[in-house]
N, C-alpha and C. Protein backbone atom coordinates (compact mmCIF):
# COMPACT_ATOMS: atom_id res chain seq x y z
N MET A 1 -18.31 219.84 48.28
CA MET A 1 -17.94 221.11 47.75
C MET A 1 -16.79 220.91 46.78
N VAL A 2 -16.88 221.59 45.66
CA VAL A 2 -15.82 221.55 44.65
C VAL A 2 -15.42 222.99 44.36
N ILE A 3 -14.13 223.25 44.37
CA ILE A 3 -13.63 224.59 44.07
C ILE A 3 -12.59 224.46 42.95
N TYR A 4 -12.79 225.24 41.92
CA TYR A 4 -11.82 225.31 40.83
C TYR A 4 -11.12 226.65 40.92
N LYS A 5 -9.84 226.68 40.60
CA LYS A 5 -9.10 227.93 40.57
C LYS A 5 -8.63 228.18 39.15
N PHE A 6 -8.89 229.39 38.66
CA PHE A 6 -8.52 229.75 37.30
C PHE A 6 -7.55 230.92 37.33
N LYS A 7 -6.85 231.08 36.24
CA LYS A 7 -5.86 232.15 36.12
C LYS A 7 -6.51 233.53 36.26
N ASN A 8 -7.72 233.67 35.71
CA ASN A 8 -8.42 234.96 35.78
C ASN A 8 -9.92 234.74 35.55
N PHE A 9 -10.68 235.80 35.68
CA PHE A 9 -12.13 235.76 35.54
C PHE A 9 -12.53 235.32 34.14
N ALA A 10 -11.81 235.83 33.14
CA ALA A 10 -12.13 235.48 31.75
C ALA A 10 -11.96 233.98 31.50
N ALA A 11 -10.91 233.39 32.07
CA ALA A 11 -10.69 231.95 31.90
C ALA A 11 -11.79 231.15 32.58
N ALA A 12 -12.23 231.60 33.74
CA ALA A 12 -13.32 230.91 34.44
C ALA A 12 -14.61 231.00 33.63
N SER A 13 -14.91 232.16 33.11
CA SER A 13 -16.12 232.33 32.30
C SER A 13 -16.06 231.47 31.05
N GLN A 14 -14.90 231.45 30.41
CA GLN A 14 -14.74 230.66 29.19
C GLN A 14 -14.99 229.18 29.49
N TRP A 15 -14.45 228.68 30.59
CA TRP A 15 -14.68 227.28 30.97
C TRP A 15 -16.14 227.04 31.31
N PHE A 16 -16.74 227.93 32.12
CA PHE A 16 -18.10 227.74 32.58
C PHE A 16 -19.08 227.64 31.42
N TYR A 17 -18.88 228.44 30.39
CA TYR A 17 -19.79 228.46 29.25
C TYR A 17 -19.34 227.55 28.10
N SER A 18 -18.27 226.79 28.32
CA SER A 18 -17.75 225.92 27.26
C SER A 18 -18.69 224.75 27.00
N GLU A 19 -18.60 224.21 25.80
CA GLU A 19 -19.41 223.04 25.44
C GLU A 19 -19.06 221.86 26.34
N GLU A 20 -17.78 221.70 26.64
CA GLU A 20 -17.34 220.60 27.49
C GLU A 20 -17.98 220.67 28.88
N HIS A 21 -17.99 221.85 29.47
CA HIS A 21 -18.59 221.99 30.80
C HIS A 21 -20.11 221.80 30.74
N GLN A 22 -20.73 222.27 29.69
CA GLN A 22 -22.18 222.11 29.57
C GLN A 22 -22.56 220.64 29.51
N GLU A 23 -21.75 219.83 28.84
CA GLU A 23 -22.01 218.39 28.77
C GLU A 23 -21.88 217.74 30.14
N VAL A 24 -20.85 218.11 30.89
CA VAL A 24 -20.65 217.57 32.24
C VAL A 24 -21.77 218.03 33.16
N SER A 25 -22.25 219.24 32.97
CA SER A 25 -23.31 219.80 33.82
C SER A 25 -24.59 218.98 33.75
N ILE A 26 -24.87 218.41 32.60
CA ILE A 26 -26.08 217.59 32.46
C ILE A 26 -26.03 216.43 33.45
N PHE A 27 -24.90 215.74 33.49
CA PHE A 27 -24.74 214.63 34.43
C PHE A 27 -24.74 215.13 35.87
N ARG A 28 -23.96 216.17 36.14
CA ARG A 28 -23.86 216.69 37.51
C ARG A 28 -25.23 217.11 38.04
N ASN A 29 -26.00 217.79 37.24
CA ASN A 29 -27.33 218.24 37.67
C ASN A 29 -28.29 217.09 37.90
N ALA A 30 -28.06 215.96 37.23
CA ALA A 30 -28.93 214.80 37.40
C ALA A 30 -28.67 214.07 38.72
N VAL A 31 -27.46 214.19 39.25
CA VAL A 31 -27.11 213.41 40.44
C VAL A 31 -26.81 214.25 41.69
N THR A 32 -26.83 215.57 41.56
CA THR A 32 -26.52 216.43 42.71
C THR A 32 -27.50 217.58 42.80
N GLU A 33 -27.48 218.24 43.94
CA GLU A 33 -28.20 219.49 44.13
C GLU A 33 -27.16 220.56 44.46
N GLY A 34 -27.39 221.74 43.97
CA GLY A 34 -26.44 222.80 44.29
C GLY A 34 -26.46 223.89 43.24
N TRP A 35 -25.43 224.69 43.28
CA TRP A 35 -25.32 225.81 42.37
C TRP A 35 -23.85 226.09 42.12
N ALA A 36 -23.59 226.93 41.15
CA ALA A 36 -22.22 227.30 40.81
C ALA A 36 -22.15 228.81 40.67
N THR A 37 -21.02 229.35 41.00
CA THR A 37 -20.79 230.78 40.83
C THR A 37 -19.33 231.01 40.54
N ILE A 38 -19.04 232.14 39.94
CA ILE A 38 -17.66 232.54 39.69
C ILE A 38 -17.37 233.70 40.64
N VAL A 39 -16.37 233.54 41.46
CA VAL A 39 -16.00 234.56 42.44
C VAL A 39 -14.63 235.09 42.04
N PRO A 40 -14.56 236.34 41.62
CA PRO A 40 -13.26 236.88 41.22
C PRO A 40 -12.36 237.12 42.43
N GLY A 41 -11.06 237.12 42.17
CA GLY A 41 -10.10 237.45 43.22
C GLY A 41 -10.12 238.93 43.53
N ILE A 42 -9.34 239.35 44.49
CA ILE A 42 -9.36 240.74 44.95
C ILE A 42 -9.04 241.72 43.83
N SER A 43 -7.94 241.51 43.11
CA SER A 43 -7.58 242.46 42.06
C SER A 43 -8.61 242.45 40.94
N GLU A 44 -9.16 241.27 40.63
CA GLU A 44 -10.18 241.21 39.60
C GLU A 44 -11.47 241.86 40.06
N THR A 45 -11.78 241.75 41.35
CA THR A 45 -12.97 242.42 41.88
C THR A 45 -12.85 243.92 41.70
N ASP A 46 -11.69 244.47 42.03
CA ASP A 46 -11.47 245.90 41.83
C ASP A 46 -11.63 246.28 40.36
N ASP A 47 -11.05 245.48 39.46
CA ASP A 47 -11.18 245.75 38.03
C ASP A 47 -12.64 245.70 37.58
N LEU A 48 -13.38 244.73 38.10
CA LEU A 48 -14.79 244.57 37.73
C LEU A 48 -15.61 245.77 38.20
N ILE A 49 -15.38 246.21 39.41
CA ILE A 49 -16.11 247.37 39.93
C ILE A 49 -15.78 248.61 39.12
N GLN A 50 -14.50 248.80 38.82
CA GLN A 50 -14.08 249.97 38.06
C GLN A 50 -14.60 249.95 36.62
N SER A 51 -14.93 248.77 36.11
CA SER A 51 -15.38 248.65 34.73
C SER A 51 -16.79 249.22 34.52
N GLY A 52 -17.52 249.42 35.62
CA GLY A 52 -18.88 249.90 35.50
C GLY A 52 -19.91 248.79 35.35
N TYR A 53 -19.45 247.54 35.49
CA TYR A 53 -20.38 246.39 35.37
C TYR A 53 -21.50 246.49 36.38
N PHE A 54 -21.16 246.89 37.60
CA PHE A 54 -22.16 247.07 38.63
C PHE A 54 -22.55 248.53 38.71
N GLU A 55 -23.83 248.76 38.85
CA GLU A 55 -24.32 250.13 39.00
C GLU A 55 -24.15 250.54 40.45
N CYS A 56 -23.40 251.59 40.70
CA CYS A 56 -23.20 252.08 42.06
C CYS A 56 -24.15 253.24 42.31
N LYS A 57 -24.90 253.15 43.38
CA LYS A 57 -25.83 254.21 43.74
C LYS A 57 -25.40 254.84 45.05
N ASP A 58 -25.38 256.14 45.08
CA ASP A 58 -25.09 256.83 46.33
C ASP A 58 -26.32 256.75 47.22
N THR A 59 -26.10 256.51 48.51
CA THR A 59 -27.23 256.42 49.43
C THR A 59 -27.33 257.66 50.27
């Protein structure tokens, strides 16, 4: 397991989609199995929900 910590969600996204990371991903995907995700912190989660990114449906 590898965990990276970033200053904020935008910095994590910028790194994840960067050319440098894409080049490393080619090698990593050739020798490992797994997946990657970006998990925002608590305050960023609140900001993300409030932004309307996720559709909230009343049940």
